[in-house]
Amino acid sequence: SQRSQKKATKRYLALALGSVLALIAAYVYKQGGKEELLNLIRDALLSLQSLRDYGPLGWVIFVGAFIAQLTICLPGTMVVDVALGNIYGAVLGTVASVLAKTVSALLSLFLGRLFGKALGLEFPAALQRHMAAVQKRPLKALFLARLAPISTGVKNYALALLPPEDVPLLPYTIAVIAANLVVTTGVCILGAGADNLVDALDQVTSKH
């Protein structure tokens, strides 16, 4: 039937997406895990600082690259935030980071609803307690969920596993923006206060 064909197509797409993400993960982790990956991201950011010379276009390209990083769940979010603060200043760096994280969260919500169950994603226990009041106070519940101390990518896709009525789009978008402002602003200010990008990144990568 047409319905079974749609389900089969969705499953094949989910498997294809999972395969691509698995290949990316295998490639970036094969040399030494998270530490090696963070070093690769650091080197990439040092080369990307030349985007500052391209004005608004460079800023947009940087935001696009950050959206891609977040959507495929690569680590190093704080490292990128520090770099954005140093390259573009506290204000434009914060705006870039919040924009990238918001777009990625909404994109992941869409992708997760399409492919999450087929890929076997599960809702993390760390978010369960924040979602108890989501139907009565969705904005507060979603805001606290976005502040939970787990990776950005996990939160993005985990919330897609909830029924759509539990994650209304407008309150969710507001919650994402507010939570990211709380987390990101200080990091971008830290990056903006460093003398150069190398010093800014060293403040973060030396802690890993």
N, C-alpha and C. Protein backbone atom coordinates (compact mmCIF):
# COMPACT_ATOMS: atom_id res chain seq x y z
N SER A 1 0.84 -1.19 0.00
CA SER A 1 0.00 0.00 0.00
C SER A 1 0.88 1.24 0.00
N GLN A 2 0.22 2.38 -0.23
CA GLN A 2 0.97 3.64 -0.29
C GLN A 2 1.55 3.99 1.07
N ARG A 3 0.80 3.67 2.14
CA ARG A 3 1.28 3.98 3.48
C ARG A 3 2.52 3.16 3.83
N SER A 4 2.49 1.88 3.48
CA SER A 4 3.65 1.03 3.77
C SER A 4 4.86 1.45 2.96
N GLN A 5 4.62 1.93 1.73
CA GLN A 5 5.73 2.41 0.91
C GLN A 5 6.36 3.65 1.52
N LYS A 6 5.51 4.55 2.06
CA LYS A 6 6.03 5.75 2.71
C LYS A 6 6.85 5.39 3.95
N LYS A 7 6.36 4.40 4.72
CA LYS A 7 7.10 3.98 5.91
C LYS A 7 8.44 3.38 5.52
N ALA A 8 8.42 2.58 4.45
CA ALA A 8 9.67 1.96 4.00
C ALA A 8 10.65 3.02 3.51
N THR A 9 10.13 4.00 2.78
CA THR A 9 10.99 5.08 2.28
C THR A 9 11.59 5.87 3.42
N LYS A 10 10.77 6.17 4.43
CA LYS A 10 11.26 6.92 5.58
C LYS A 10 12.33 6.14 6.33
N ARG A 11 12.11 4.82 6.43
CA ARG A 11 13.10 3.99 7.12
C ARG A 11 14.43 3.95 6.36
N TYR A 12 14.33 3.83 5.03
CA TYR A 12 15.55 3.82 4.22
C TYR A 12 16.30 5.15 4.35
N LEU A 13 15.55 6.26 4.35
CA LEU A 13 16.18 7.57 4.52
C LEU A 13 16.82 7.69 5.89
N ALA A 14 16.13 7.16 6.90
CA ALA A 14 16.68 7.19 8.25
C ALA A 14 17.97 6.39 8.34
N LEU A 15 17.98 5.21 7.72
CA LEU A 15 19.19 4.40 7.72
C LEU A 15 20.32 5.08 6.97
N ALA A 16 19.96 5.76 5.87
CA ALA A 16 20.98 6.49 5.10
C ALA A 16 21.57 7.62 5.93
N LEU A 17 20.68 8.37 6.61
CA LEU A 17 21.14 9.45 7.48
C LEU A 17 22.02 8.91 8.59
N GLY A 18 21.58 7.81 9.21
CA GLY A 18 22.37 7.21 10.27
C GLY A 18 23.72 6.75 9.79
N SER A 19 23.76 6.20 8.59
CA SER A 19 25.04 5.75 8.02
C SER A 19 25.99 6.91 7.79
N VAL A 20 25.45 8.02 7.27
CA VAL A 20 26.28 9.20 7.04
C VAL A 20 26.85 9.73 8.35
N LEU A 21 25.98 9.83 9.37
CA LEU A 21 26.44 10.32 10.67
C LEU A 21 27.46 9.37 11.29
N ALA A 22 27.25 8.07 11.11
CA ALA A 22 28.19 7.09 11.64
C ALA A 22 29.55 7.21 10.96
N LEU A 23 29.54 7.42 9.65
CA LEU A 23 30.79 7.59 8.92
C LEU A 23 31.53 8.84 9.38
N ILE A 24 30.77 9.93 9.56
CA ILE A 24 31.39 11.17 10.05
C ILE A 24 31.99 10.95 11.42
N ALA A 25 31.22 10.31 12.30
CA ALA A 25 31.70 10.07 13.66
C ALA A 25 32.94 9.18 13.65
N ALA A 26 32.91 8.13 12.84
CA ALA A 26 34.05 7.22 12.78
C ALA A 26 35.29 7.94 12.27
N TYR A 27 35.10 8.81 11.30
CA TYR A 27 36.25 9.53 10.73
C TYR A 27 36.89 10.47 11.74
N VAL A 28 36.03 11.26 12.42
CA VAL A 28 36.58 12.29 13.29
C VAL A 28 37.10 11.73 14.61
N TYR A 29 36.62 10.55 15.01
CA TYR A 29 37.07 10.00 16.27
C TYR A 29 38.20 8.99 16.14
N LYS A 30 38.49 8.55 14.94
CA LYS A 30 39.39 7.42 14.77
C LYS A 30 40.82 7.73 15.22
N GLN A 31 41.22 9.00 15.20
CA GLN A 31 42.60 9.34 15.53
C GLN A 31 42.86 9.52 17.02
N GLY A 32 41.83 9.56 17.85
CA GLY A 32 42.12 9.75 19.27
C GLY A 32 40.98 10.32 20.07
N GLY A 33 39.76 10.18 19.60
CA GLY A 33 38.61 10.55 20.38
C GLY A 33 38.35 12.04 20.41
N LYS A 34 37.67 12.46 21.48
CA LYS A 34 37.19 13.83 21.58
C LYS A 34 38.34 14.84 21.60
N GLU A 35 39.41 14.52 22.29
CA GLU A 35 40.53 15.46 22.38
C GLU A 35 41.11 15.77 21.00
N GLU A 36 41.28 14.73 20.19
CA GLU A 36 41.80 14.92 18.84
C GLU A 36 40.83 15.74 18.00
N LEU A 37 39.54 15.46 18.17
CA LEU A 37 38.53 16.20 17.40
C LEU A 37 38.54 17.67 17.78
N LEU A 38 38.65 17.96 19.07
CA LEU A 38 38.69 19.35 19.51
C LEU A 38 39.92 20.07 18.95
N ASN A 39 41.03 19.35 18.84
CA ASN A 39 42.22 19.95 18.23
C ASN A 39 41.99 20.27 16.76
N LEU A 40 41.27 19.36 16.07
CA LEU A 40 40.95 19.61 14.66
C LEU A 40 40.04 20.83 14.53
N ILE A 41 39.06 20.93 15.43
CA ILE A 41 38.15 22.08 15.41
C ILE A 41 38.92 23.36 15.70
N ARG A 42 39.86 23.29 16.64
CA ARG A 42 40.69 24.46 16.97
C ARG A 42 41.47 24.92 15.75
N ASP A 43 42.09 23.98 15.05
CA ASP A 43 42.86 24.34 13.86
C ASP A 43 41.96 24.93 12.78
N ALA A 44 40.77 24.36 12.63
CA ALA A 44 39.83 24.87 11.63
C ALA A 44 39.41 26.30 11.96
N LEU A 45 39.19 26.57 13.25
CA LEU A 45 38.78 27.92 13.66
C LEU A 45 39.89 28.93 13.41
N LEU A 46 41.14 28.51 13.62
CA LEU A 46 42.26 29.41 13.35
C LEU A 46 42.32 29.79 11.88
N SER A 47 41.97 28.86 11.01
CA SER A 47 41.96 29.17 9.58
C SER A 47 40.71 29.98 9.19
N LEU A 48 39.62 29.77 9.95
CA LEU A 48 38.37 30.47 9.62
C LEU A 48 38.38 31.94 10.06
N GLN A 49 39.37 32.33 10.86
CA GLN A 49 39.38 33.73 11.30
C GLN A 49 39.57 34.68 10.12
N SER A 50 40.05 34.16 8.99
CA SER A 50 40.18 35.00 7.79
C SER A 50 38.81 35.44 7.26
N LEU A 51 37.74 34.75 7.68
CA LEU A 51 36.40 35.15 7.25
C LEU A 51 36.05 36.56 7.73
N ARG A 52 36.73 37.02 8.77
CA ARG A 52 36.48 38.38 9.27
C ARG A 52 36.75 39.41 8.18
N ASP A 53 37.67 39.11 7.27
CA ASP A 53 38.01 40.05 6.20
C ASP A 53 36.91 40.18 5.14
N TYR A 54 35.96 39.24 5.16
CA TYR A 54 34.90 39.24 4.15
C TYR A 54 33.61 39.89 4.66
N GLY A 55 33.67 40.53 5.82
CA GLY A 55 32.54 41.29 6.33
C GLY A 55 31.31 40.42 6.60
N PRO A 56 30.12 40.93 6.28
CA PRO A 56 28.88 40.20 6.56
C PRO A 56 28.82 38.82 5.91
N LEU A 57 29.39 38.69 4.71
CA LEU A 57 29.38 37.40 4.04
C LEU A 57 30.17 36.36 4.85
N GLY A 58 31.32 36.76 5.36
CA GLY A 58 32.11 35.85 6.18
C GLY A 58 31.37 35.45 7.44
N TRP A 59 30.66 36.41 8.04
CA TRP A 59 29.86 36.14 9.24
C TRP A 59 28.79 35.10 8.94
N VAL A 60 28.11 35.25 7.82
CA VAL A 60 27.06 34.30 7.43
C VAL A 60 27.64 32.92 7.18
N ILE A 61 28.80 32.84 6.53
CA ILE A 61 29.44 31.55 6.26
C ILE A 61 29.81 30.87 7.58
N PHE A 62 30.33 31.65 8.52
CA PHE A 62 30.70 31.10 9.83
C PHE A 62 29.46 30.55 10.54
N VAL A 63 28.37 31.29 10.49
CA VAL A 63 27.13 30.83 11.11
C VAL A 63 26.66 29.53 10.46
N GLY A 64 26.74 29.46 9.13
CA GLY A 64 26.33 28.26 8.42
C GLY A 64 27.17 27.05 8.81
N ALA A 65 28.47 27.25 8.96
CA ALA A 65 29.36 26.16 9.36
C ALA A 65 29.03 25.69 10.78
N PHE A 66 28.71 26.63 11.66
CA PHE A 66 28.37 26.28 13.04
C PHE A 66 27.05 25.51 13.08
N ILE A 67 26.09 25.89 12.25
CA ILE A 67 24.82 25.17 12.17
C ILE A 67 25.07 23.72 11.77
N ALA A 68 25.93 23.51 10.79
CA ALA A 68 26.25 22.15 10.34
C ALA A 68 26.91 21.35 11.46
N GLN A 69 27.84 21.96 12.18
CA GLN A 69 28.52 21.28 13.28
C GLN A 69 27.52 20.84 14.34
N LEU A 70 26.62 21.74 14.71
CA LEU A 70 25.64 21.44 15.75
C LEU A 70 24.65 20.36 15.29
N THR A 71 24.25 20.42 14.03
CA THR A 71 23.23 19.51 13.53
C THR A 71 23.74 18.08 13.45
N ILE A 72 25.03 17.89 13.19
CA ILE A 72 25.57 16.53 13.17
C ILE A 72 26.21 16.15 14.50
N CYS A 73 25.95 16.99 15.52
CA CYS A 73 26.28 16.65 16.91
C CYS A 73 27.77 16.52 17.20
N LEU A 74 28.59 17.30 16.52
CA LEU A 74 30.01 17.32 16.85
C LEU A 74 30.22 18.15 18.12
N PRO A 75 31.18 17.77 18.96
CA PRO A 75 31.47 18.55 20.17
C PRO A 75 32.21 19.85 19.82
N GLY A 76 32.54 20.62 20.85
CA GLY A 76 33.31 21.84 20.64
C GLY A 76 32.50 23.10 20.58
N THR A 77 31.27 23.07 21.11
CA THR A 77 30.40 24.25 21.05
C THR A 77 31.03 25.45 21.75
N MET A 78 31.58 25.22 22.93
CA MET A 78 32.18 26.32 23.67
C MET A 78 33.40 26.89 22.95
N VAL A 79 34.15 26.02 22.30
CA VAL A 79 35.33 26.47 21.55
C VAL A 79 34.92 27.42 20.43
N VAL A 80 33.84 27.07 19.74
CA VAL A 80 33.36 27.92 18.65
C VAL A 80 32.83 29.24 19.21
N ASP A 81 32.14 29.19 20.34
CA ASP A 81 31.63 30.43 20.96
C ASP A 81 32.77 31.39 21.31
N VAL A 82 33.84 30.84 21.87
CA VAL A 82 34.99 31.67 22.21
C VAL A 82 35.58 32.30 20.94
N ALA A 83 35.67 31.50 19.88
CA ALA A 83 36.21 32.00 18.62
C ALA A 83 35.33 33.10 18.04
N LEU A 84 34.03 32.90 18.08
CA LEU A 84 33.10 33.93 17.57
C LEU A 84 33.25 35.23 18.34
N GLY A 85 33.41 35.13 19.66
CA GLY A 85 33.59 36.34 20.46
C GLY A 85 34.87 37.06 20.12
N ASN A 86 35.94 36.31 19.88
CA ASN A 86 37.22 36.93 19.57
C ASN A 86 37.25 37.52 18.17
N ILE A 87 36.64 36.82 17.20
CA ILE A 87 36.70 37.26 15.80
C ILE A 87 35.73 38.40 15.54
N TYR A 88 34.51 38.30 16.09
CA TYR A 88 33.47 39.28 15.75
C TYR A 88 33.05 40.18 16.91
N GLY A 89 33.67 40.00 18.08
CA GLY A 89 33.30 40.81 19.23
C GLY A 89 32.17 40.18 20.02
N ALA A 90 31.96 40.69 21.23
CA ALA A 90 30.99 40.08 22.13
C ALA A 90 29.57 40.11 21.57
N VAL A 91 29.17 41.23 20.96
CA VAL A 91 27.78 41.37 20.50
C VAL A 91 27.52 40.54 19.25
N LEU A 92 28.29 40.78 18.18
CA LEU A 92 28.07 40.04 16.94
C LEU A 92 28.39 38.55 17.11
N GLY A 93 29.36 38.24 17.97
CA GLY A 93 29.69 36.84 18.24
C GLY A 93 28.54 36.13 18.93
N THR A 94 27.93 36.80 19.92
CA THR A 94 26.79 36.22 20.62
C THR A 94 25.60 36.05 19.68
N VAL A 95 25.34 37.06 18.86
CA VAL A 95 24.23 36.97 17.90
C VAL A 95 24.45 35.79 16.94
N ALA A 96 25.68 35.64 16.46
CA ALA A 96 25.99 34.54 15.54
C ALA A 96 25.77 33.19 16.20
N SER A 97 26.24 33.04 17.43
CA SER A 97 26.10 31.78 18.14
C SER A 97 24.64 31.44 18.42
N VAL A 98 23.90 32.41 18.93
CA VAL A 98 22.49 32.18 19.25
C VAL A 98 21.69 31.86 17.98
N LEU A 99 21.99 32.56 16.90
CA LEU A 99 21.31 32.29 15.63
C LEU A 99 21.60 30.87 15.16
N ALA A 100 22.87 30.47 15.18
CA ALA A 100 23.25 29.13 14.73
C ALA A 100 22.59 28.06 15.59
N LYS A 101 22.60 28.26 16.91
CA LYS A 101 22.02 27.26 17.81
C LYS A 101 20.51 27.18 17.67
N THR A 102 19.87 28.31 17.41
CA THR A 102 18.42 28.31 17.24
C THR A 102 18.02 27.62 15.94
N VAL A 103 18.69 27.95 14.85
CA VAL A 103 18.40 27.30 13.57
C VAL A 103 18.67 25.81 13.66
N SER A 104 19.78 25.43 14.28
CA SER A 104 20.11 24.01 14.41
C SER A 104 19.08 23.28 15.27
N ALA A 105 18.62 23.92 16.35
CA ALA A 105 17.62 23.29 17.21
C ALA A 105 16.32 23.03 16.45
N LEU A 106 15.89 24.00 15.65
CA LEU A 106 14.66 23.84 14.87
C LEU A 106 14.85 22.81 13.76
N LEU A 107 16.01 22.82 13.12
CA LEU A 107 16.29 21.84 12.08
C LEU A 107 16.34 20.43 12.66
N SER A 108 16.97 20.29 13.82
CA SER A 108 17.06 18.99 14.48
C SER A 108 15.69 18.51 14.93
N LEU A 109 14.85 19.46 15.34
CA LEU A 109 13.49 19.10 15.73
C LEU A 109 12.75 18.47 14.55
N PHE A 110 12.90 19.06 13.39
CA PHE A 110 12.26 18.54 12.18
C PHE A 110 12.85 17.18 11.80
N LEU A 111 14.18 17.07 11.78
CA LEU A 111 14.83 15.82 11.42
C LEU A 111 14.52 14.71 12.42
N GLY A 112 14.52 15.08 13.71
CA GLY A 112 14.24 14.09 14.74
C GLY A 112 12.84 13.54 14.66
N ARG A 113 11.88 14.40 14.33
CA ARG A 113 10.51 13.92 14.19
C ARG A 113 10.36 13.00 13.00
N LEU A 114 11.14 13.24 11.96
CA LEU A 114 11.07 12.40 10.77
C LEU A 114 11.76 11.05 10.98
N PHE A 115 12.96 11.10 11.61
CA PHE A 115 13.81 9.91 11.62
C PHE A 115 14.17 9.39 13.01
N GLY A 116 13.78 10.10 14.06
CA GLY A 116 14.24 9.74 15.40
C GLY A 116 13.91 8.32 15.82
N LYS A 117 12.65 7.93 15.69
CA LYS A 117 12.24 6.59 16.12
C LYS A 117 12.88 5.52 15.24
N ALA A 118 12.96 5.80 13.95
CA ALA A 118 13.56 4.82 13.03
C ALA A 118 15.03 4.60 13.35
N LEU A 119 15.69 5.65 13.86
CA LEU A 119 17.11 5.53 14.21
C LEU A 119 17.31 4.98 15.61
N GLY A 120 16.21 4.77 16.34
CA GLY A 120 16.31 4.21 17.68
C GLY A 120 16.72 5.20 18.75
N LEU A 121 16.50 6.49 18.52
CA LEU A 121 16.83 7.50 19.53
C LEU A 121 15.92 7.36 20.73
N GLU A 122 16.46 7.61 21.93
CA GLU A 122 15.68 7.52 23.15
C GLU A 122 15.76 8.83 23.92
N PHE A 123 14.69 9.14 24.65
CA PHE A 123 14.66 10.38 25.42
C PHE A 123 15.53 10.23 26.66
N PRO A 124 16.52 11.11 26.86
CA PRO A 124 17.46 10.95 27.99
C PRO A 124 16.79 11.21 29.34
N ALA A 125 17.18 10.42 30.33
CA ALA A 125 16.61 10.55 31.67
C ALA A 125 16.89 11.93 32.27
N ALA A 126 18.02 12.54 31.88
CA ALA A 126 18.39 13.85 32.44
C ALA A 126 17.39 14.94 32.12
N LEU A 127 16.59 14.73 31.07
CA LEU A 127 15.59 15.74 30.68
C LEU A 127 14.20 15.43 31.21
N GLN A 128 13.99 14.22 31.72
CA GLN A 128 12.65 13.81 32.10
C GLN A 128 12.03 14.73 33.14
N ARG A 129 12.80 15.08 34.18
CA ARG A 129 12.22 15.87 35.26
C ARG A 129 11.84 17.27 34.83
N HIS A 130 12.49 17.78 33.79
CA HIS A 130 12.16 19.12 33.31
C HIS A 130 10.87 19.14 32.50
N MET A 131 10.45 17.98 32.01
CA MET A 131 9.32 17.94 31.10
C MET A 131 8.00 17.61 31.80
N ALA A 132 8.03 17.41 33.12
CA ALA A 132 6.82 17.03 33.84
C ALA A 132 5.72 18.09 33.71
N ALA A 133 6.12 19.36 33.67
CA ALA A 133 5.13 20.44 33.63
C ALA A 133 5.02 21.08 32.25
N VAL A 134 5.45 20.37 31.20
CA VAL A 134 5.51 20.99 29.88
C VAL A 134 4.13 21.38 29.35
N GLN A 135 3.10 20.63 29.69
CA GLN A 135 1.77 20.96 29.18
C GLN A 135 1.16 22.16 29.90
N LYS A 136 1.51 22.34 31.18
CA LYS A 136 0.96 23.47 31.94
C LYS A 136 1.80 24.74 31.75
N ARG A 137 3.11 24.58 31.76
CA ARG A 137 4.01 25.73 31.62
C ARG A 137 5.09 25.40 30.58
N PRO A 138 4.70 25.37 29.30
CA PRO A 138 5.65 24.92 28.27
C PRO A 138 6.91 25.76 28.16
N LEU A 139 6.77 27.08 28.25
CA LEU A 139 7.95 27.94 28.09
C LEU A 139 8.96 27.68 29.19
N LYS A 140 8.51 27.64 30.44
CA LYS A 140 9.42 27.40 31.56
C LYS A 140 10.05 26.01 31.47
N ALA A 141 9.23 24.99 31.17
CA ALA A 141 9.74 23.62 31.10
C ALA A 141 10.78 23.48 29.98
N LEU A 142 10.49 24.05 28.83
CA LEU A 142 11.42 23.95 27.71
C LEU A 142 12.70 24.75 27.97
N PHE A 143 12.56 25.90 28.63
CA PHE A 143 13.73 26.71 28.97
C PHE A 143 14.66 25.94 29.90
N LEU A 144 14.10 25.31 30.94
CA LEU A 144 14.92 24.53 31.88
C LEU A 144 15.52 23.31 31.20
N ALA A 145 14.77 22.72 30.27
CA ALA A 145 15.31 21.57 29.54
C ALA A 145 16.50 21.99 28.69
N ARG A 146 16.42 23.17 28.08
CA ARG A 146 17.54 23.65 27.25
C ARG A 146 18.77 23.97 28.09
N LEU A 147 18.59 24.25 29.38
CA LEU A 147 19.72 24.54 30.26
C LEU A 147 20.31 23.28 30.89
N ALA A 148 19.71 22.13 30.66
CA ALA A 148 20.21 20.89 31.26
C ALA A 148 21.66 20.64 30.84
N PRO A 149 22.49 20.14 31.77
CA PRO A 149 23.93 19.96 31.48
C PRO A 149 24.24 18.73 30.64
N ILE A 150 23.67 18.66 29.46
CA ILE A 150 24.02 17.62 28.49
C ILE A 150 24.29 18.30 27.16
N SER A 151 24.87 17.58 26.22
CA SER A 151 25.33 18.20 24.99
C SER A 151 24.18 18.81 24.19
N THR A 152 24.50 19.85 23.45
CA THR A 152 23.50 20.55 22.64
C THR A 152 22.83 19.62 21.65
N GLY A 153 23.61 18.78 20.99
CA GLY A 153 23.04 17.88 19.99
C GLY A 153 22.05 16.90 20.59
N VAL A 154 22.36 16.37 21.78
CA VAL A 154 21.45 15.44 22.45
C VAL A 154 20.14 16.13 22.77
N LYS A 155 20.21 17.34 23.30
CA LYS A 155 18.98 18.08 23.61
C LYS A 155 18.18 18.36 22.35
N ASN A 156 18.85 18.74 21.29
CA ASN A 156 18.15 19.07 20.05
C ASN A 156 17.30 17.91 19.56
N TYR A 157 17.91 16.73 19.51
CA TYR A 157 17.21 15.57 18.95
C TYR A 157 16.29 14.90 19.97
N ALA A 158 16.63 14.98 21.24
CA ALA A 158 15.79 14.35 22.27
C ALA A 158 14.41 15.00 22.32
N LEU A 159 14.37 16.31 22.25
CA LEU A 159 13.09 17.01 22.34
C LEU A 159 12.21 16.74 21.12
N ALA A 160 12.81 16.28 20.04
CA ALA A 160 12.02 15.92 18.86
C ALA A 160 11.25 14.63 19.07
N LEU A 161 11.61 13.85 20.09
CA LEU A 161 10.94 12.59 20.36
C LEU A 161 9.63 12.78 21.12
N LEU A 162 9.44 13.97 21.68
CA LEU A 162 8.19 14.26 22.39
C LEU A 162 7.07 14.51 21.39
N PRO A 163 5.82 14.31 21.82
CA PRO A 163 4.70 14.65 20.93
C PRO A 163 4.77 16.12 20.52
N PRO A 164 4.42 16.44 19.29
CA PRO A 164 4.50 17.84 18.83
C PRO A 164 3.75 18.82 19.72
N GLU A 165 2.64 18.38 20.33
CA GLU A 165 1.88 19.28 21.19
C GLU A 165 2.62 19.62 22.47
N ASP A 166 3.61 18.80 22.85
CA ASP A 166 4.43 19.08 24.04
C ASP A 166 5.58 20.02 23.74
N VAL A 167 5.86 20.24 22.47
CA VAL A 167 6.95 21.15 22.08
C VAL A 167 6.39 22.15 21.07
N PRO A 168 5.51 23.05 21.52
CA PRO A 168 4.96 24.05 20.60
C PRO A 168 6.08 24.94 20.06
N LEU A 169 5.99 25.25 18.78
CA LEU A 169 7.12 25.85 18.08
C LEU A 169 7.52 27.22 18.64
N LEU A 170 6.55 28.11 18.88
CA LEU A 170 6.89 29.45 19.35
C LEU A 170 7.51 29.44 20.74
N PRO A 171 6.89 28.80 21.75
CA PRO A 171 7.55 28.74 23.05
C PRO A 171 8.91 28.05 23.00
N TYR A 172 9.03 27.03 22.16
CA TYR A 172 10.31 26.32 22.05
C TYR A 172 11.38 27.24 21.48
N THR A 173 11.04 28.00 20.46
CA THR A 173 12.00 28.92 19.86
C THR A 173 12.44 29.97 20.87
N ILE A 174 11.48 30.51 21.61
CA ILE A 174 11.80 31.52 22.64
C ILE A 174 12.71 30.90 23.71
N ALA A 175 12.39 29.67 24.13
CA ALA A 175 13.18 28.99 25.15
C ALA A 175 14.61 28.74 24.67
N VAL A 176 14.75 28.35 23.41
CA VAL A 176 16.08 28.10 22.84
C VAL A 176 16.90 29.40 22.84
N ILE A 177 16.29 30.48 22.37
CA ILE A 177 17.00 31.76 22.31
C ILE A 177 17.40 32.23 23.71
N ALA A 178 16.46 32.17 24.65
CA ALA A 178 16.73 32.64 26.01
C ALA A 178 17.82 31.81 26.68
N ALA A 179 17.73 30.49 26.56
CA ALA A 179 18.72 29.62 27.20
C ALA A 179 20.11 29.83 26.59
N ASN A 180 20.15 29.99 25.28
CA ASN A 180 21.45 30.19 24.63
C ASN A 180 22.05 31.55 24.96
N LEU A 181 21.22 32.55 25.15
CA LEU A 181 21.73 33.85 25.59
C LEU A 181 22.38 33.74 26.96
N VAL A 182 21.75 32.99 27.85
CA VAL A 182 22.28 32.81 29.19
C VAL A 182 23.65 32.12 29.14
N VAL A 183 23.75 31.08 28.33
CA VAL A 183 24.97 30.27 28.29
C VAL A 183 26.06 30.91 27.44
N THR A 184 25.66 31.52 26.32
CA THR A 184 26.63 31.94 25.29
C THR A 184 27.26 33.30 25.57
N THR A 185 26.52 34.23 26.11
CA THR A 185 27.00 35.60 26.24
C THR A 185 28.33 35.68 26.98
N GLY A 186 28.42 35.03 28.13
CA GLY A 186 29.65 35.07 28.92
C GLY A 186 30.83 34.47 28.19
N VAL A 187 30.59 33.39 27.44
CA VAL A 187 31.67 32.73 26.71
C VAL A 187 32.19 33.64 25.60
N CYS A 188 31.27 34.29 24.88
CA CYS A 188 31.69 35.21 23.81
C CYS A 188 32.43 36.42 24.38
N ILE A 189 32.00 36.89 25.54
CA ILE A 189 32.71 38.00 26.20
C ILE A 189 34.13 37.56 26.57
N LEU A 190 34.25 36.31 27.04
CA LEU A 190 35.58 35.77 27.36
C LEU A 190 36.47 35.77 26.12
N GLY A 191 35.91 35.33 24.99
CA GLY A 191 36.69 35.31 23.76
C GLY A 191 37.05 36.70 23.29
N ALA A 192 36.11 37.64 23.43
CA ALA A 192 36.36 39.01 22.99
C ALA A 192 37.45 39.68 23.82
N GLY A 193 37.61 39.24 25.06
CA GLY A 193 38.61 39.86 25.93
C GLY A 193 40.02 39.36 25.72
N ALA A 194 40.18 38.29 24.93
CA ALA A 194 41.52 37.76 24.67
C ALA A 194 42.24 38.60 23.63
N ASP A 195 43.55 38.64 23.71
CA ASP A 195 44.35 39.46 22.79
C ASP A 195 44.28 38.96 21.36
N ASN A 196 44.19 37.66 21.18
CA ASN A 196 44.11 37.08 19.84
C ASN A 196 43.39 35.75 19.91
N LEU A 197 43.12 35.15 18.76
CA LEU A 197 42.33 33.92 18.72
C LEU A 197 43.07 32.76 19.36
N VAL A 198 44.37 32.70 19.20
CA VAL A 198 45.15 31.61 19.81
C VAL A 198 44.98 31.63 21.32
N ASP A 199 45.14 32.81 21.92
CA ASP A 199 44.98 32.94 23.38
C ASP A 199 43.55 32.59 23.80
N ALA A 200 42.58 33.04 23.00
CA ALA A 200 41.17 32.76 23.33
C ALA A 200 40.90 31.27 23.35
N LEU A 201 41.37 30.56 22.32
CA LEU A 201 41.13 29.12 22.23
C LEU A 201 41.90 28.36 23.30
N ASP A 202 43.09 28.84 23.63
CA ASP A 202 43.89 28.17 24.67
C ASP A 202 43.18 28.20 26.02
N GLN A 203 42.40 29.26 26.27
CA GLN A 203 41.67 29.35 27.54
C GLN A 203 40.66 28.23 27.69
N VAL A 204 40.16 27.73 26.55
CA VAL A 204 39.14 26.68 26.58
C VAL A 204 39.75 25.30 26.39
N THR A 205 40.59 25.16 25.35
CA THR A 205 41.10 23.82 25.02
C THR A 205 42.07 23.31 26.08
N SER A 206 42.70 24.19 26.83
CA SER A 206 43.61 23.74 27.87
C SER A 206 42.88 23.07 29.01
N LYS A 207 41.54 23.27 29.06
CA LYS A 207 40.75 22.67 30.14
C LYS A 207 40.33 21.26 29.80
N HIS A 208 40.51 20.84 28.53
CA HIS A 208 40.05 19.51 28.11
C HIS A 208 41.18 18.50 28.24
